[in-house]
Every structure is written in structure tokens, then in C-alpha cells.
Amino acid sequence: MCQITEGGAPMSVEEIRKAVIGMDMKGALDAVKRTVSEGMSLEEADLEGIDGAIAEVGRKYESGKLMFPQFMNTVRAAYAVREELDIPRPDLGKAVVAALDVHTEGRNTMALFLGVAGFETNIVEMGMMEDDIVGFCKEPDVTVCCVSGEFASVSSKIKKIGDMLTEAGLRDRVVYNAGGMTVSEEAAERAGADVFSRSGAESVFLIKKKVLERKRGKA
């Protein structure tokens, strides 16, 4: 039986994360193999361990505890481990990423994290209306819609987009995420968001899990 950490992850998954973050290639490879030998699939070890490492350093980058080059060093280490283990890159589809007010920092950060995770990103230009954003989501390869804003007024827009995605019959295909300084978990839930986190890196980690679950027919 594998040991469980305080955070609930198997000890070997934590070892994968630590090795990737420390850019310890041999340690990461050994930890992945050990995790698989304990019964976890390679795909799950990749998601929980390697993507988990990227999410962890992504949170530190967001909070200013890490510089961008340090974040990208972990990303490169993660890619190298995947290449060495010949882990197939899943087709995650396209993510539509939009800012609902004049603040684009959150939008751009989400686009960065989504691209690192393996999504093709469509960054929506400023000034687009809610129906424009939903229109982009109607493209057949879109699997994610992320919206963000800093003003309190965006809550009604988030709810409207969620309702429009439902009315368009897209909710089974498109994972919806909403965030921003004034967006609470309750507001996101009322809007029908599938995942929510104060951290963009954590949100993308949860988004990827949800997309893969749907592709495998588990949700």
C-alpha cells in the first residue's frame, strides 16, 4: 500500500513533483515508474505528478515567489521527463480565453498556463461581447472557455455566458471557468462554472483533469 501525504496525494506522486521541480531527471523517472508499479496508470501519474509540479510552481510564479525563467525551467524539465518516458500528448482541443473588462493580466496569465498544459489557445480581443465569446466556443474543437475580470460588474456577464453556453448545448463539451479579483466561488458556481480556484495555475490543472475525464467518458 502506498503512503499518503497530508495533502492527500500518494507519496510517490509527491516525489514526482519534487523531482520535476528540482529538475532531477533520474529522480523523476524513477518516481514515475514506482508510482505506476503501485497501480496508478501512466496517464494519471503524468497528470497528478508532472502537471501537479507545473501547477505548484505556477502558483509560486503568480504570487511573485518565483521569476518567469524559474517557472519555465520546471516546464522544460516536465517536458523532458515526458519525452524520456514517451508519454503521449493528449489532444486537449482549444481554449477560448477572454477578459470581460479592461484588465487583461488574468486573461494573459491563463492563456500562458493553458498553453503550457497543452491546449491551443484563442485569446479573445478586447471589446468582444458575451455572444461573441460564446460564438467562438461553438467551433467544434473548443473544449474550454475561460473568462475573467476585476470589476464587480463582471459577475452578471459571467452568469450570462454560462447561461448562453447551456442554451447553445455546449456544456457537455466545453469546460467553463471564471475568475478574477472580485469573482467569488459562489458567483462562479451560480454561473455554472465547472471548476474554480483563486490560482490560475490551479484552475488550469483542474480544467485539464476535467477535459481528460470527459474525453475518457467519466464525466
Protein backbone atom coordinates (compact mmCIF):
# COMPACT_ATOMS: atom_id res chain seq x y z
CA MET A 1 0.00 0.00 0.00
CA CYS A 2 1.38 3.43 -0.90
CA GLN A 3 1.82 6.17 1.68
CA ILE A 4 -0.41 9.23 1.54
CA THR A 5 0.80 12.76 2.22
CA GLU A 6 -1.08 15.33 4.29
CA GLY A 7 -2.41 16.84 1.06
CA GLY A 8 -3.96 13.52 0.10
CA ALA A 9 -1.61 12.63 -2.78
CA PRO A 10 0.31 9.33 -2.81
CA MET A 11 3.86 9.76 -1.57
CA SER A 12 5.30 8.68 -4.94
CA VAL A 13 3.23 11.37 -6.70
CA GLU A 14 4.75 13.93 -4.34
CA GLU A 15 8.15 12.52 -5.21
CA ILE A 16 7.46 13.05 -8.92
CA ARG A 17 6.51 16.67 -8.24
CA LYS A 18 9.56 17.36 -6.10
CA ALA A 19 11.92 15.75 -8.60
CA VAL A 20 10.47 17.68 -11.56
CA ILE A 21 10.59 20.96 -9.62
CA GLY A 22 14.17 20.18 -8.61
CA MET A 23 14.98 19.28 -12.24
CA ASP A 24 16.17 15.86 -11.05
CA MET A 25 15.60 13.82 -14.21
CA LYS A 26 16.63 10.45 -12.79
CA GLY A 27 14.61 11.01 -9.64
CA ALA A 28 11.52 11.98 -11.65
CA LEU A 29 11.82 8.97 -13.96
CA ASP A 30 12.26 6.59 -11.02
CA ALA A 31 9.32 8.14 -9.17
CA VAL A 32 7.01 7.83 -12.20
CA LYS A 33 7.97 4.18 -12.68
CA ARG A 34 7.45 3.47 -8.97
CA THR A 35 4.05 5.19 -8.99
CA VAL A 36 2.95 3.08 -11.97
CA SER A 37 4.21 -0.09 -10.26
CA GLU A 38 1.98 0.82 -7.29
CA GLY A 39 -1.07 0.65 -9.56
CA MET A 40 -1.55 4.17 -10.94
CA SER A 41 -1.78 4.45 -14.71
CA LEU A 42 0.98 6.27 -16.58
CA GLU A 43 -1.52 8.89 -17.73
CA GLU A 44 -2.67 9.54 -14.17
CA ALA A 45 0.91 9.70 -12.87
CA ASP A 46 1.65 12.20 -15.63
CA LEU A 47 -1.33 14.37 -14.69
CA GLU A 48 -1.05 14.21 -10.92
CA GLY A 49 2.74 14.23 -10.74
CA ILE A 50 4.12 16.15 -13.70
CA ASP A 51 1.20 18.53 -14.24
CA GLY A 52 0.97 18.83 -10.47
CA ALA A 53 4.58 20.06 -10.41
CA ILE A 54 3.82 22.69 -13.07
CA ALA A 55 0.75 23.84 -11.11
CA GLU A 56 2.80 24.13 -7.93
CA VAL A 57 5.49 26.34 -9.46
CA GLY A 58 2.79 28.21 -11.39
CA ARG A 59 1.16 29.23 -8.11
CA LYS A 60 4.53 30.49 -6.84
CA TYR A 61 5.07 32.42 -10.07
CA GLU A 62 1.63 34.04 -9.74
CA SER A 63 2.34 35.09 -6.17
CA GLY A 64 5.71 36.58 -7.08
CA LYS A 65 7.73 33.95 -5.24
CA LEU A 66 9.33 32.72 -8.48
CA MET A 67 10.55 34.57 -11.55
CA PHE A 68 9.34 33.58 -15.01
CA PRO A 69 12.62 31.89 -16.04
CA GLN A 70 12.42 29.67 -12.94
CA PHE A 71 8.86 28.71 -13.83
CA MET A 72 9.89 27.84 -17.38
CA ASN A 73 12.80 25.73 -16.11
CA THR A 74 10.27 23.48 -14.38
CA VAL A 75 8.15 23.36 -17.54
CA ARG A 76 11.18 22.28 -19.58
CA ALA A 77 12.02 19.61 -17.00
CA ALA A 78 8.44 18.33 -17.16
CA TYR A 79 8.56 18.13 -20.95
CA ALA A 80 11.91 16.30 -20.80
CA VAL A 81 10.53 13.67 -18.41
CA ARG A 82 7.52 13.10 -20.66
CA GLU A 83 9.74 12.76 -23.70
CA GLU A 84 12.05 10.30 -21.96
CA LEU A 85 9.09 8.15 -20.89
CA ASP A 86 7.41 8.53 -24.30
CA ILE A 87 4.17 9.70 -22.66
CA PRO A 88 1.71 10.52 -25.47
CA ARG A 89 0.46 14.09 -25.59
CA PRO A 90 -3.35 14.05 -25.46
CA ASP A 91 -5.42 16.15 -27.84
CA LEU A 92 -6.91 18.64 -25.40
CA GLY A 93 -8.52 20.86 -28.01
CA LYS A 94 -8.76 24.64 -28.00
CA ALA A 95 -9.35 27.04 -25.11
CA VAL A 96 -11.17 30.33 -25.61
CA VAL A 97 -9.77 32.89 -23.13
CA ALA A 98 -11.43 36.27 -22.63
CA ALA A 99 -11.30 39.32 -20.35
CA LEU A 100 -14.70 40.80 -19.55
CA ASP A 101 -13.36 44.25 -18.65
CA VAL A 102 -10.21 46.28 -19.31
CA HIS A 103 -7.97 44.12 -17.13
CA THR A 104 -6.17 41.61 -19.35
CA GLU A 105 -3.46 40.37 -16.98
CA GLY A 106 -5.60 37.45 -15.74
CA ARG A 107 -6.58 36.54 -19.29
CA ASN A 108 -2.98 36.52 -20.45
CA THR A 109 -1.78 34.50 -17.46
CA MET A 110 -4.48 31.90 -18.05
CA ALA A 111 -3.52 31.71 -21.74
CA LEU A 112 0.09 31.10 -20.71
CA PHE A 113 -0.80 28.29 -18.30
CA LEU A 114 -3.25 26.71 -20.76
CA GLY A 115 -0.62 26.71 -23.50
CA VAL A 116 1.91 25.08 -21.16
CA ALA A 117 -0.70 22.45 -20.28
CA GLY A 118 -1.10 21.53 -23.95
CA PHE A 119 -4.17 23.48 -25.08
CA GLU A 120 -4.30 25.55 -28.23
CA THR A 121 -5.43 28.99 -27.08
CA ASN A 122 -7.67 31.57 -28.70
CA ILE A 123 -7.17 34.87 -26.87
CA VAL A 124 -10.28 36.96 -27.43
CA GLU A 125 -9.64 40.60 -28.30
CA MET A 126 -10.87 43.36 -26.01
CA GLY A 127 -14.34 44.71 -26.68
CA MET A 128 -15.97 41.44 -27.68
CA MET A 129 -19.47 40.91 -26.31
CA GLU A 130 -20.76 37.85 -24.50
CA ASP A 131 -22.40 36.44 -27.61
CA ASP A 132 -19.09 36.83 -29.50
CA ILE A 133 -17.30 34.77 -26.86
CA VAL A 134 -19.96 32.06 -26.96
CA GLY A 135 -19.76 32.16 -30.75
CA PHE A 136 -16.06 31.27 -30.59
CA CYS A 137 -16.96 28.36 -28.30
CA LYS A 138 -19.24 26.90 -30.98
CA GLU A 139 -16.19 25.88 -33.02
CA PRO A 140 -16.08 22.06 -32.82
CA ASP A 141 -12.54 21.81 -31.45
CA VAL A 142 -13.17 24.11 -28.46
CA THR A 143 -13.14 22.27 -25.13
CA VAL A 144 -12.60 25.15 -22.69
CA CYS A 145 -13.94 28.65 -22.09
CA CYS A 146 -12.13 30.84 -19.53
CA VAL A 147 -13.36 34.33 -18.65
CA SER A 148 -12.03 36.80 -16.11
CA GLY A 149 -12.39 40.34 -14.85
CA GLU A 150 -11.55 42.63 -11.95
CA PHE A 151 -14.69 44.78 -11.61
CA ALA A 152 -17.73 43.59 -9.65
CA SER A 153 -19.86 44.14 -12.74
CA VAL A 154 -18.38 41.06 -14.44
CA SER A 155 -20.47 38.72 -12.26
CA SER A 156 -23.57 39.33 -14.38
CA LYS A 157 -21.54 38.79 -17.57
CA ILE A 158 -20.12 35.53 -16.23
CA LYS A 159 -23.64 34.31 -15.45
CA LYS A 160 -24.90 35.37 -18.88
CA ILE A 161 -22.11 33.50 -20.68
CA GLY A 162 -22.75 30.38 -18.60
CA ASP A 163 -26.45 30.53 -19.47
CA MET A 164 -25.69 31.09 -23.16
CA LEU A 165 -23.31 28.11 -23.24
CA THR A 166 -26.09 25.98 -21.78
CA GLU A 167 -28.69 27.32 -24.23
CA ALA A 168 -26.31 26.58 -27.12
CA GLY A 169 -25.96 22.96 -25.95
CA LEU A 170 -22.21 23.31 -25.36
CA ARG A 171 -21.88 22.44 -21.68
CA ASP A 172 -21.18 18.73 -22.27
CA ARG A 173 -18.21 19.67 -24.47
CA VAL A 174 -16.93 22.99 -23.12
CA VAL A 175 -15.45 23.19 -19.61
CA TYR A 176 -16.35 26.62 -18.22
CA ASN A 177 -14.07 28.55 -15.87
CA ALA A 178 -14.49 32.03 -14.42
CA GLY A 179 -12.13 34.02 -12.23
CA GLY A 180 -10.79 37.39 -11.25
CA MET A 181 -10.26 39.61 -8.23
CA THR A 182 -13.95 40.15 -7.48
CA VAL A 183 -15.25 36.75 -8.64
CA SER A 184 -16.11 34.54 -5.67
CA GLU A 185 -16.53 30.79 -5.71
CA GLU A 186 -20.25 31.32 -5.09
CA ALA A 187 -20.55 33.65 -8.11
CA ALA A 188 -18.69 31.17 -10.30
CA GLU A 189 -20.96 28.37 -9.09
CA ARG A 190 -24.08 30.41 -9.83
CA ALA A 191 -22.75 30.98 -13.33
CA GLY A 192 -22.36 27.23 -13.82
CA ALA A 193 -18.55 27.15 -13.80
CA ASP A 194 -17.17 23.61 -13.85
CA VAL A 195 -14.01 24.46 -11.92
CA PHE A 196 -12.88 27.37 -9.76
CA SER A 197 -9.69 28.38 -7.97
CA ARG A 198 -8.14 31.65 -6.87
CA SER A 199 -4.98 30.45 -8.61
CA GLY A 200 -4.84 30.47 -12.39
CA ALA A 201 -2.29 27.64 -12.34
CA GLU A 202 -4.53 25.52 -10.13
CA SER A 203 -7.54 26.36 -12.32
CA VAL A 204 -5.73 25.07 -15.41
CA PHE A 205 -4.72 21.91 -13.55
CA LEU A 206 -8.40 21.31 -12.68
CA ILE A 207 -9.52 22.23 -16.21
CA LYS A 208 -7.15 19.70 -17.76
CA LYS A 209 -8.38 16.99 -15.39
CA LYS A 210 -11.99 17.75 -16.31
CA VAL A 211 -11.29 17.77 -20.06
CA LEU A 212 -9.48 14.42 -19.85
CA GLU A 213 -12.30 12.94 -17.74
CA ARG A 214 -14.84 13.94 -20.36
CA LYS A 215 -12.72 12.58 -23.18
CA ARG A 216 -12.48 9.26 -21.33
CA GLY A 217 -16.25 9.25 -20.73
CA LYS A 218 -16.01 9.62 -16.95
CA ALA A 219 -17.96 12.86 -16.66
